[in-house]
């Protein structure tokens, strides 16, 4: 699928170039400016909250729908997620032990993931703040980044699927936001420190990093899910001189017993995905670099003229998953298995108008459908946990 302004008008009810969304629909004020910088739009994607005032204004201006329309998922008997009790110990304590650690990133990803995996508990309103070692790790972070603004590293709750306990973690630390400076000597990036700490505390057998991503290639549609035990860096900006700037990491294939069931469970909420979709969402298990998850150090998205040279490098691009692969490789002892589960929130963008206009289109598609495409990847996370 290649989307253009006409596609946005059909699916969101407005033309983001001829009639830009009002400033009140933006969570990050600089992103509301005409021809906003791509990095400001990247931050808008992270901060946008469909259940906050900006989200309500967005719904009033567009034809987008919120999670109030979420339909309960008809889980197989004995495998429905069972939300755990409030974690004990307070925000300064380590995370609890669990079989699986699931980490997501943006505010709307958190809403959707929690709706699916911790029914009755929302990532923003209910989850326990996580501040363990915040004072130490945050010294490496730059002013204005999400973690410093939130005063924490993330928020979490627990759930049980079958016999498996999982910690569901919404991170406020982001590879793309914490800092723009490489560490000196043997130092590490703050997002590396967060990953290492939460894995060490949970001691999981499986780690899942999950959320939205931009589709690469014209075959991807909103809601498609890539399950990838392969991740790679594509660093062209501030990480270009890092020793890992083009590194790739591979893990063992995930257990896929319930993946076909996950695809059937998409149906409960599929009518909230774009009407311009030509088929039901697909689930693809990555088996090569060409079908993997690509982590960029810039707001990269696929365009029909391949402006960012992403085509052939992976199935989707996003902003941090390769860090998990690097952390696992550098862990002492036997690291947990890991996998990236990413949904397509914005497809390939037609190369018309300026690059900033194309970036604005990609960001608005995310704001319209990011939470609904995340419902799809959250269901796939359920399938991987159930198969453990």
Foldseek 3Di string as FASTA:
>chain_A
DADEQVLCCQFWVHRCQVDNQAQLLFPQNQVRDVLRDLVSLVVRLQERDLPDRSVVSSVVVIVFDDCVPFDDFPDDPLFQKEFDDADPDAQQDADAAWQEEEEEEGQLLQQLLCVRRHPPAGQPPHFTFHAHCVVPLLVLFDPPQQCVVVVGQWTWTWIDGRNTIYIYTYGSDFPLHRDLADDPDPDDHSVLVVLLRNCVRHVHQEYEYEFAWAFADPPAFFLAKEKEQKEFACEDPSCPPPPRNTPMFGFDFFQQPCVVVLQVRLVSQQVSGGPPDPDRHHYHYDDDQQAHEYAYNGSDHAAPVRPVVCHSRHGTYDHHPVSNRVSCVPDPDHRHRYIYMYGHQHYYYYPDDDPSSSSSVRSVSCSRCRSSSSNSSSSVVSSRSNRD
